């Protein structure tokens, strides 16, 4: 592999590591909101992970782990500096959530994979959740 390609990969991986340690800001360009449609209430305390697909290696790099707040929202997942074009994955730990509510669920987790072409825009990825179904869409 040529030296310039190795340098490019090294710089890319260093940027990903820096983003993993940066604190997310309240003006995150990426947000989510999880609603428990079975009860009509926000899904409070649901753990989720945000990952980015590393193109050179085709492996997922975890950027952050967070929990939904009392309103079922996770507003500050990623700082604008770390939001780049690419393929992202939000993994919602739905099995853990339903277990906390002493309910069973058909889905142990939900993964939503999406592509960002313009990191200058705002993106909202809601999840509507019940023990036996889920729906997601690009919100505003």
Protein backbone atom coordinates (compact mmCIF):
# COMPACT_ATOMS: atom_id res chain seq x y z
CA UNK A 1 0.00 0.00 0.00
CA UNK A 2 1.44 3.40 -0.87
CA UNK A 3 2.53 5.78 1.89
CA UNK A 4 0.01 8.47 0.97
CA UNK A 5 -2.87 5.99 1.27
CA UNK A 6 -1.62 4.84 4.68
CA UNK A 7 -1.35 8.45 5.83
CA UNK A 8 -4.91 9.14 4.68
CA UNK A 9 -6.23 6.10 6.58
CA UNK A 10 -4.26 7.12 9.69
CA UNK A 11 -5.68 10.67 9.60
CA UNK A 12 -9.20 9.32 9.11
CA UNK A 13 -8.91 6.95 12.06
CA UNK A 14 -7.42 9.69 14.25
CA UNK A 15 -10.40 11.96 13.40
CA UNK A 16 -12.82 9.16 14.39
CA UNK A 17 -11.00 8.66 17.71
CA UNK A 18 -11.11 12.41 18.43
CA UNK A 19 -14.85 12.46 17.75
CA UNK A 20 -15.41 9.58 20.16
CA UNK A 21 -13.87 11.63 22.98
CA UNK A 22 -15.50 14.98 22.16
CA UNK A 23 -18.55 15.95 24.16
CA UNK A 24 -21.71 16.20 22.11
CA UNK A 25 -23.23 19.63 21.87
CA UNK A 26 -26.81 20.73 22.31
CA UNK A 27 -26.78 21.96 18.70
CA UNK A 28 -26.18 18.47 17.34
CA UNK A 29 -27.10 18.13 13.67
CA UNK A 30 -28.43 14.64 14.47
CA UNK A 31 -31.25 13.99 16.94
CA UNK A 32 -33.68 11.22 17.76
CA UNK A 33 -36.95 10.83 19.64
CA UNK A 34 -38.32 7.47 20.79
CA UNK A 35 -42.01 7.03 21.61
CA UNK A 36 -43.60 4.03 23.28
CA UNK A 37 -46.70 3.73 21.10
CA UNK A 38 -48.12 0.93 23.28
CA UNK A 39 -48.57 3.38 26.16
CA UNK A 40 -48.51 6.68 24.27
CA UNK A 41 -45.55 7.91 26.32
CA UNK A 42 -41.90 8.84 25.66
CA UNK A 43 -39.40 5.97 25.88
CA UNK A 44 -37.37 7.25 28.82
CA UNK A 45 -33.95 5.71 29.55
CA UNK A 46 -33.56 3.73 26.32
CA UNK A 47 -29.87 3.13 25.54
CA UNK A 48 -28.66 3.82 22.03
CA UNK A 49 -25.38 3.82 20.18
CA UNK A 50 -24.33 5.88 17.20
CA UNK A 51 -21.75 4.38 14.84
CA UNK A 52 -20.13 5.42 11.57
CA UNK A 53 -19.14 3.00 8.81
CA UNK A 54 -15.41 3.37 8.20
CA UNK A 55 -15.06 3.16 4.41
CA UNK A 56 -11.49 1.89 4.20
CA UNK A 57 -12.12 -1.03 6.57
CA UNK A 58 -15.90 -1.46 6.14
CA UNK A 59 -16.20 -1.74 9.93
CA UNK A 60 -18.52 0.15 12.25
CA UNK A 61 -16.81 2.65 14.57
CA UNK A 62 -18.86 3.52 17.63
CA UNK A 63 -19.00 7.29 18.10
CA UNK A 64 -21.21 7.60 21.15
CA UNK A 65 -23.48 5.78 23.57
CA UNK A 66 -26.34 7.68 25.14
CA UNK A 67 -29.75 7.34 26.79
CA UNK A 68 -33.04 9.00 25.95
CA UNK A 69 -34.15 11.65 28.41
CA UNK A 70 -37.50 11.91 30.20
CA UNK A 71 -39.11 13.14 26.98
CA UNK A 72 -37.68 10.20 24.97
CA UNK A 73 -35.24 12.49 23.18
CA UNK A 74 -31.51 12.34 22.68
CA UNK A 75 -30.81 15.83 21.37
CA UNK A 76 -27.01 16.13 21.61
CA UNK A 77 -25.56 12.99 20.11
CA UNK A 78 -22.79 14.43 17.97
CA UNK A 79 -20.97 17.73 17.64
CA UNK A 80 -21.24 19.53 14.28
CA UNK A 81 -17.45 19.20 13.83
CA UNK A 82 -17.71 15.40 13.91
CA UNK A 83 -20.72 15.13 11.61
CA UNK A 84 -19.45 14.17 8.18
CA UNK A 85 -20.89 12.63 5.05
CA UNK A 86 -21.09 8.86 5.38
CA UNK A 87 -23.16 5.90 6.46
CA UNK A 88 -24.33 5.91 10.08
CA UNK A 89 -26.10 3.41 12.32
CA UNK A 90 -28.31 4.10 15.31
CA UNK A 91 -28.73 1.01 17.46
CA UNK A 92 -31.60 1.19 19.94
CA UNK A 93 -31.45 -1.36 22.80
CA UNK A 94 -35.17 -2.10 22.78
CA UNK A 95 -34.95 -5.43 24.59
CA UNK A 96 -33.34 -3.78 27.61
CA UNK A 97 -35.99 -1.05 27.53
CA UNK A 98 -38.94 -3.47 27.59
CA UNK A 99 -37.27 -5.60 30.25
CA UNK A 100 -37.06 -2.51 32.52
CA UNK A 101 -40.82 -2.16 32.04
CA UNK A 102 -41.24 -5.86 32.89
CA UNK A 103 -42.50 -6.63 29.40
CA UNK A 104 -41.25 -8.93 26.68
CA UNK A 105 -40.39 -7.79 23.21
CA UNK A 106 -40.01 -9.51 19.86
CA UNK A 107 -37.08 -7.25 18.91
CA UNK A 108 -33.99 -7.34 21.16
CA UNK A 109 -32.65 -4.26 19.38
CA UNK A 110 -33.44 -2.02 16.41
CA UNK A 111 -30.74 -0.82 14.04
CA UNK A 112 -31.44 2.09 11.72
CA UNK A 113 -28.79 2.56 9.04
CA UNK A 114 -28.85 5.79 7.00
CA UNK A 115 -26.63 7.77 4.66
CA UNK A 116 -25.73 11.41 5.17
CA UNK A 117 -24.86 13.20 1.94
CA UNK A 118 -25.04 16.79 3.22
CA UNK A 119 -23.69 17.16 6.78
CA UNK A 120 -24.72 20.83 6.70
CA UNK A 121 -28.37 19.84 7.18
CA UNK A 122 -30.16 18.82 10.36
CA UNK A 123 -31.34 15.21 10.62
CA UNK A 124 -33.96 13.81 13.00
CA UNK A 125 -34.44 10.03 13.20
CA UNK A 126 -37.55 9.20 15.28
CA UNK A 127 -38.44 5.69 16.42
CA UNK A 128 -42.02 4.68 17.17
CA UNK A 129 -41.89 1.56 19.29
CA UNK A 130 -44.13 -1.15 20.69
CA UNK A 131 -43.19 -4.61 21.96
CA UNK A 132 -43.99 -6.20 18.59
CA UNK A 133 -43.42 -3.45 16.02
CA UNK A 134 -41.42 -0.36 15.21
CA UNK A 135 -41.42 2.41 12.63
CA UNK A 136 -38.81 5.00 11.76
CA UNK A 137 -38.56 7.86 9.27
CA UNK A 138 -36.53 10.97 8.55
CA UNK A 139 -38.11 13.72 10.55
CA UNK A 140 -37.47 17.45 10.56
